[in-house]
C-alpha atoms as a PDB file:
ATOM      1  CA  UNK A   1     106.631 107.071 115.573  1.00  0.00           C
ATOM      2  CA  UNK A   2     104.713 103.869 116.190  1.00  0.00           C
ATOM      3  CA  UNK A   3     102.089 102.324 113.969  1.00  0.00           C
ATOM      4  CA  UNK A   4      99.150 100.005 114.449  1.00  0.00           C
ATOM      5  CA  UNK A   5      98.144  98.290 111.206  1.00  0.00           C
ATOM      6  CA  UNK A   6      94.715  96.662 111.183  1.00  0.00           C
ATOM      7  CA  UNK A   7      93.996  94.337 108.254  1.00  0.00           C
ATOM      8  CA  UNK A   8      90.335  93.395 107.967  1.00  0.00           C
ATOM      9  CA  UNK A   9      89.806  90.232 105.955  1.00  0.00           C
ATOM     10  CA  UNK A  10      86.926  90.006 103.502  1.00  0.00           C
ATOM     11  CA  UNK A  11      83.703  90.063 105.565  1.00  0.00           C
ATOM     12  CA  UNK A  12      80.590  87.973 104.944  1.00  0.00           C
ATOM     13  CA  UNK A  13      78.689  91.130 103.937  1.00  0.00           C
ATOM     14  CA  UNK A  14      81.068  93.813 102.594  1.00  0.00           C
ATOM     15  CA  UNK A  15      78.335  96.464 102.332  1.00  0.00           C
ATOM     16  CA  UNK A  16      77.297  95.972 105.975  1.00  0.00           C
ATOM     17  CA  UNK A  17      80.967  96.061 107.022  1.00  0.00           C
ATOM     18  CA  UNK A  18      81.556  99.339 105.177  1.00  0.00           C
ATOM     19  CA  UNK A  19      78.395 100.904 106.604  1.00  0.00           C
ATOM     20  CA  UNK A  20      79.333 100.070 110.189  1.00  0.00           C
ATOM     21  CA  UNK A  21      83.018 100.835 109.754  1.00  0.00           C
ATOM     22  CA  UNK A  22      82.579 104.316 108.346  1.00  0.00           C
ATOM     23  CA  UNK A  23      79.374 105.316 110.199  1.00  0.00           C
ATOM     24  CA  UNK A  24      80.321 103.940 113.634  1.00  0.00           C
ATOM     25  CA  UNK A  25      83.787 102.457 114.080  1.00  0.00           C
ATOM     26  CA  UNK A  26      85.856 105.338 112.713  1.00  0.00           C
ATOM     27  CA  UNK A  27      84.177 107.697 115.183  1.00  0.00           C
ATOM     28  CA  UNK A  28      84.959 105.357 118.077  1.00  0.00           C
ATOM     29  CA  UNK A  29      88.559 104.819 116.979  1.00  0.00           C
ATOM     30  CA  UNK A  30      89.271 108.515 116.451  1.00  0.00           C
ATOM     31  CA  UNK A  31      88.576 109.108 120.166  1.00  0.00           C
ATOM     32  CA  UNK A  32      91.496 106.849 121.203  1.00  0.00           C
ATOM     33  CA  UNK A  33      93.883 109.020 123.247  1.00  0.00           C
ATOM     34  CA  UNK A  34      97.272 109.665 121.684  1.00  0.00           C
ATOM     35  CA  UNK A  35      96.120 108.905 118.126  1.00  0.00           C
ATOM     36  CA  UNK A  36      98.034 111.254 115.813  1.00  0.00           C
ATOM     37  CA  UNK A  37      96.747 110.153 112.407  1.00  0.00           C
ATOM     38  CA  UNK A  38      94.225 107.635 111.051  1.00  0.00           C
ATOM     39  CA  UNK A  39      94.562 106.320 107.499  1.00  0.00           C
ATOM     40  CA  UNK A  40      92.294 103.877 105.662  1.00  0.00           C
ATOM     41  CA  UNK A  41      92.909 102.036 102.401  1.00  0.00           C
ATOM     42  CA  UNK A  42      90.874 102.947  99.353  1.00  0.00           C
ATOM     43  CA  UNK A  43      89.814 100.498  96.695  1.00  0.00           C
ATOM     44  CA  UNK A  44      90.750  96.851  96.556  1.00  0.00           C
ATOM     45  CA  UNK A  45      93.668  95.660  98.676  1.00  0.00           C
ATOM     46  CA  UNK A  46      95.938  93.650  96.401  1.00  0.00           C
ATOM     47  CA  UNK A  47      99.087  91.596  96.767  1.00  0.00           C
ATOM     48  CA  UNK A  48     101.831  91.040  94.184  1.00  0.00           C
ATOM     49  CA  UNK A  49     100.070  87.771  93.330  1.00  0.00           C
ATOM     50  CA  UNK A  50      96.657  89.455  92.870  1.00  0.00           C
ATOM     51  CA  UNK A  51      93.719  89.309  95.267  1.00  0.00           C
ATOM     52  CA  UNK A  52      94.778  89.505  98.910  1.00  0.00           C
ATOM     53  CA  UNK A  53      91.698  88.414 100.847  1.00  0.00           C
ATOM     54  CA  UNK A  54      91.932  91.709 102.732  1.00  0.00           C
ATOM     55  CA  UNK A  55      88.960  94.059 102.493  1.00  0.00           C
ATOM     56  CA  UNK A  56      90.350  97.138 104.240  1.00  0.00           C
ATOM     57  CA  UNK A  57      93.553  98.275 105.949  1.00  0.00           C
ATOM     58  CA  UNK A  58      93.685 100.945 108.649  1.00  0.00           C
ATOM     59  CA  UNK A  59      96.938 102.517 109.818  1.00  0.00           C
ATOM     60  CA  UNK A  60      96.911 104.331 113.152  1.00  0.00           C
ATOM     61  CA  UNK A  61      99.840 106.603 114.044  1.00  0.00           C
ATOM     62  CA  UNK A  62     101.105 107.163 117.599  1.00  0.00           C
ATOM     63  CA  UNK A  63     104.195 108.833 119.094  1.00  0.00           C
ATOM     64  CA  UNK A  64     105.750 105.582 120.345  1.00  0.00           C
ATOM     65  CA  UNK A  65     104.922 102.086 121.577  1.00  0.00           C
ATOM     66  CA  UNK A  66     104.279 103.390 125.096  1.00  0.00           C
ATOM     67  CA  UNK A  67     101.564 105.631 123.618  1.00  0.00           C
ATOM     68  CA  UNK A  68     100.078 102.592 121.842  1.00  0.00           C
ATOM     69  CA  UNK A  69      99.960 100.728 125.158  1.00  0.00           C
ATOM     70  CA  UNK A  70      98.259 103.642 126.907  1.00  0.00           C
ATOM     71  CA  UNK A  71      95.842 104.080 124.001  1.00  0.00           C
ATOM     72  CA  UNK A  72      94.563 100.516 123.985  1.00  0.00           C
ATOM     73  CA  UNK A  73      94.359 100.252 127.762  1.00  0.00           C
ATOM     74  CA  UNK A  74      92.108 103.341 127.846  1.00  0.00           C
ATOM     75  CA  UNK A  75      88.312 103.083 127.879  1.00  0.00           C
ATOM     76  CA  UNK A  76      88.231 104.452 124.324  1.00  0.00           C
ATOM     77  CA  UNK A  77      90.789 101.899 123.123  1.00  0.00           C
ATOM     78  CA  UNK A  78      88.886  99.061 124.776  1.00  0.00           C
ATOM     79  CA  UNK A  79      85.659 100.283 123.152  1.00  0.00           C
ATOM     80  CA  UNK A  80      87.297 100.316 119.708  1.00  0.00           C
ATOM     81  CA  UNK A  81      88.627  96.776 120.152  1.00  0.00           C
ATOM     82  CA  UNK A  82      85.243  95.543 121.396  1.00  0.00           C
ATOM     83  CA  UNK A  83      83.489  97.145 118.428  1.00  0.00           C
ATOM     84  CA  UNK A  84      85.679  95.244 115.957  1.00  0.00           C
ATOM     85  CA  UNK A  85      83.975  92.033 117.067  1.00  0.00           C
ATOM     86  CA  UNK A  86      80.594  93.408 116.016  1.00  0.00           C
ATOM     87  CA  UNK A  87      81.381  93.870 112.312  1.00  0.00           C
ATOM     88  CA  UNK A  88      84.674  92.165 111.310  1.00  0.00           C
ATOM     89  CA  UNK A  89      83.050  88.872 110.305  1.00  0.00           C
ATOM     90  CA  UNK A  90      85.957  87.852 108.058  1.00  0.00           C
ATOM     91  CA  UNK A  91      88.543  88.169 110.793  1.00  0.00           C
ATOM     92  CA  UNK A  92      91.233  90.735 111.473  1.00  0.00           C
ATOM     93  CA  UNK A  93      95.001  90.858 111.888  1.00  0.00           C
ATOM     94  CA  UNK A  94      96.538  93.620 114.024  1.00  0.00           C
ATOM     95  CA  UNK A  95     100.229  94.504 113.932  1.00  0.00           C
ATOM     96  CA  UNK A  96     101.985  97.072 116.160  1.00  0.00           C
ATOM     97  CA  UNK A  97     105.512  98.366 115.673  1.00  0.00           C
ATOM     98  CA  UNK A  98     107.918 101.287 116.003  1.00  0.00           C
ATOM     99  CA  UNK A  99     108.799 102.841 112.684  1.00  0.00           C
ATOM    100  CA  UNK A 100     112.087 104.360 111.581  1.00  0.00           C
ATOM    101  CA  UNK A 101     113.503 105.613 108.333  1.00  0.00           C
ATOM    102  CA  UNK A 102     115.956 103.334 106.597  1.00  0.00           C
END
């Protein structure tokens, strides 16, 4: 399995971020081809040292990295990426990787 982890940093207006994210962005992202599962953090995102500066974390599950590549080169994937720029005013970090059990 491959994962895409999207870490949204604290936005200028958290309420506006949440409204757009859950009312609009999730619907766009769930149409990405090959998406197997979509998880979103709940509550504050903390670090071992306390506050993290991250407002929300999304974890998208795909079969493999080739599926991730196909997903984000699709029209739906491009639309999801473009939408991020409309509401993620605090910035965003995106990580992609294959996952295995240790």
